[in-house]
Amino acid sequence: MIADKTFGQAIREARLAKGMSMGQLAAKVERSTASVRRWERDEGRPAETVVQRLVEVLDLGDDEYAPVHPNVPSAAVEPEPSVSGATRATAQAPADTTGIPSVSPAKPANWFDRLRDPNQPWLGYIRAGLTIVVLLALGWVLIWALAGLTGALGDIWESLWSGAG
């Protein structure tokens, strides 16, 4: 049933039915391939003007347009591009104020992903501290290895001269 499709599923199915690649669709709506990929994964939504271009490019009818309609809950709405085709704003637009609950992003899967969570900037201090500890440990290992290498080279040097005398 078409109404059960998410925004991303509707866009993907329509794109594939037209035989278009993500890059081709992105060029036709003047957005990046990464944006199309995010839309198809339901990780974000384009601005309404871009949705209108998608409907035109993909020839979506009324039934097929339902998942793309703005009344469907969405993750994040992308802002309009500031310069057509060249530079695009990467910040997300404010949340939808229509009373429809927005989809919250999934929680990070493991501890390493949690350290990269942009919603918790204090984790940057932990990352910096861990980086410093690792660099100090690597520096200590490098100095230890160089000391061992110079000791071995000194032994070789001495054995060459002691054998000649």
Protein backbone atom coordinates (compact mmCIF):
# COMPACT_ATOMS: atom_id res chain seq x y z
CA MET A 1 0.00 0.00 0.00
CA ILE A 2 1.38 3.39 -1.00
CA ALA A 3 0.32 5.19 2.22
CA ASP A 4 2.56 2.86 4.24
CA LYS A 5 5.70 4.10 2.47
CA THR A 6 8.07 6.45 4.17
CA PHE A 7 9.35 9.55 2.44
CA GLY A 8 12.62 7.83 1.59
CA GLN A 9 10.96 4.69 0.25
CA ALA A 10 8.67 6.73 -2.00
CA ILE A 11 11.57 8.73 -3.44
CA ARG A 12 13.75 5.63 -3.93
CA GLU A 13 11.02 3.60 -5.63
CA ALA A 14 10.08 6.47 -7.93
CA ARG A 15 13.74 7.11 -8.80
CA LEU A 16 14.39 3.46 -9.57
CA ALA A 17 11.17 3.20 -11.59
CA LYS A 18 12.48 6.08 -13.75
CA GLY A 19 15.85 4.30 -14.08
CA MET A 20 17.72 7.23 -12.53
CA SER A 21 20.83 7.11 -10.37
CA MET A 22 21.09 9.14 -7.18
CA GLY A 23 23.48 11.49 -8.96
CA GLN A 24 21.08 12.05 -11.85
CA LEU A 25 18.21 12.84 -9.48
CA ALA A 26 20.46 15.13 -7.43
CA ALA A 27 21.45 17.06 -10.58
CA LYS A 28 17.82 17.48 -11.65
CA VAL A 29 16.79 18.93 -8.28
CA GLU A 30 20.05 20.88 -7.88
CA ARG A 31 21.15 19.15 -4.69
CA SER A 32 24.03 16.84 -3.79
CA THR A 33 24.05 13.08 -4.14
CA ALA A 34 24.63 12.89 -0.39
CA SER A 35 21.35 14.77 0.14
CA VAL A 36 19.45 12.28 -2.01
CA ARG A 37 21.08 9.43 -0.10
CA ARG A 38 19.99 10.99 3.24
CA TRP A 39 16.44 11.46 1.97
CA GLU A 40 16.21 7.85 0.82
CA ARG A 41 17.46 6.65 4.21
CA ASP A 42 14.87 8.87 5.94
CA GLU A 43 17.68 10.73 7.71
CA GLY A 44 16.36 14.12 6.62
CA ARG A 45 13.88 15.94 4.42
CA PRO A 46 14.44 18.58 1.76
CA ALA A 47 12.80 21.98 1.85
CA GLU A 48 9.27 22.18 0.43
CA THR A 49 10.46 23.78 -2.83
CA VAL A 50 12.83 20.85 -3.37
CA VAL A 51 9.98 18.44 -2.57
CA GLN A 52 7.94 20.13 -5.33
CA ARG A 53 10.85 19.65 -7.77
CA LEU A 54 11.09 15.99 -6.73
CA VAL A 55 7.38 15.52 -7.42
CA GLU A 56 7.80 17.09 -10.88
CA VAL A 57 11.01 15.22 -11.78
CA LEU A 58 9.75 11.84 -10.57
CA ASP A 59 6.19 12.35 -11.92
CA LEU A 60 4.59 11.43 -8.61
CA GLY A 61 0.78 11.29 -8.72
CA ASP A 62 -1.61 12.13 -5.86
CA ASP A 63 -1.38 8.63 -4.32
CA GLU A 64 2.38 8.54 -4.67
CA TYR A 65 2.71 12.11 -3.39
CA ALA A 66 1.21 11.18 0.03
CA PRO A 67 4.50 10.01 1.61
CA VAL A 68 6.26 13.09 0.30
CA HIS A 69 3.62 15.50 1.60
CA PRO A 70 4.82 17.81 4.39
CA ASN A 71 2.17 16.51 6.86
CA VAL A 72 4.13 13.27 7.16
CA PRO A 73 6.53 13.31 10.14
CA SER A 74 10.09 13.87 9.07
CA ALA A 75 13.53 13.70 10.61
CA ALA A 76 15.04 17.09 9.77
CA VAL A 77 14.06 19.54 7.06
CA GLU A 78 16.98 20.74 4.96
CA PRO A 79 17.25 24.48 4.36
CA GLU A 80 17.06 26.03 0.93
CA PRO A 81 20.41 26.23 -0.86
CA SER A 82 22.00 29.65 -0.51
CA VAL A 83 23.68 29.47 -3.93
CA SER A 84 22.19 27.24 -6.61
CA GLY A 85 24.46 24.26 -7.32
CA ALA A 86 27.60 25.72 -5.72
CA THR A 87 27.67 25.99 -1.94
CA ARG A 88 24.88 24.66 0.18
CA ALA A 89 24.09 25.32 3.82
CA THR A 90 24.75 22.31 5.99
CA ALA A 91 22.84 23.43 9.06
CA GLN A 92 19.41 21.94 9.63
CA ALA A 93 16.29 24.09 9.67
CA PRO A 94 14.25 24.43 12.88
CA ALA A 95 11.86 21.63 13.77
CA ASP A 96 8.41 21.47 12.19
CA THR A 97 5.89 23.52 14.19
CA THR A 98 2.74 21.87 12.79
CA GLY A 99 2.20 19.85 15.99
CA ILE A 100 3.41 16.63 14.40
CA PRO A 101 6.12 14.98 16.48
CA SER A 102 9.46 14.85 14.74
CA VAL A 103 11.46 11.65 14.43
CA SER A 104 14.35 11.68 16.87
CA PRO A 105 17.72 10.41 15.66
CA ALA A 106 18.74 6.94 16.71
CA LYS A 107 21.00 6.57 19.74
CA PRO A 108 24.61 5.72 18.98
CA ALA A 109 25.15 1.97 18.72
CA ASN A 110 28.38 1.64 20.68
CA TRP A 111 30.72 3.57 22.96
CA PHE A 112 32.92 4.74 20.08
CA ASP A 113 29.95 6.31 18.26
CA ARG A 114 28.89 7.98 21.51
CA LEU A 115 32.27 9.74 21.64
CA ARG A 116 31.51 11.33 18.25
CA ASP A 117 27.98 12.49 19.19
CA PRO A 118 27.69 16.18 18.18
CA ASN A 119 24.83 16.69 20.67
CA GLN A 120 27.26 16.27 23.57
CA PRO A 121 30.14 18.71 23.01
CA TRP A 122 31.73 17.97 26.42
CA LEU A 123 32.79 14.65 24.96
CA GLY A 124 35.31 16.65 22.92
CA TYR A 125 37.34 17.15 26.10
CA ILE A 126 37.35 13.40 26.71
CA ARG A 127 38.41 12.75 23.10
CA ALA A 128 41.19 15.34 23.42
CA GLY A 129 42.39 13.83 26.70
CA LEU A 130 42.40 10.31 25.26
CA THR A 131 44.29 11.55 22.21
CA ILE A 132 46.97 13.17 24.39
CA VAL A 133 47.36 9.98 26.46
CA VAL A 134 47.72 7.84 23.33
CA LEU A 135 50.24 10.25 21.78
CA LEU A 136 52.32 10.29 24.97
CA ALA A 137 52.32 6.49 25.10
CA LEU A 138 53.36 6.28 21.45
CA GLY A 139 56.12 8.84 22.07
CA TRP A 140 57.42 6.80 25.00
CA VAL A 141 57.44 3.61 22.86
CA LEU A 142 59.26 5.46 20.07
CA ILE A 143 61.95 6.74 22.45
CA TRP A 144 62.35 3.25 23.97
CA ALA A 145 62.68 1.70 20.48
CA LEU A 146 65.22 4.33 19.37
CA ALA A 147 67.29 3.75 22.53
CA GLY A 148 67.32 0.04 21.80
CA LEU A 149 68.28 0.67 18.19
CA THR A 150 71.17 3.00 19.08
CA GLY A 151 72.40 0.45 21.66
CA ALA A 152 72.36 -2.30 19.03
CA LEU A 153 74.14 -0.08 16.49
CA GLY A 154 76.77 0.78 19.13
CA ASP A 155 77.37 -2.92 19.78
CA ILE A 156 77.78 -3.55 16.04
CA TRP A 157 80.21 -0.61 15.75
CA GLU A 158 82.30 -1.86 18.65
CA SER A 159 82.41 -5.41 17.31
CA LEU A 160 83.66 -4.13 13.93
CA TRP A 161 86.54 -2.18 15.50
CA SER A 162 87.44 -4.75 18.12
CA GLY A 163 87.72 -7.47 15.48
CA ALA A 164 90.10 -5.33 13.37
CA GLY A 165 92.61 -4.79 16.18
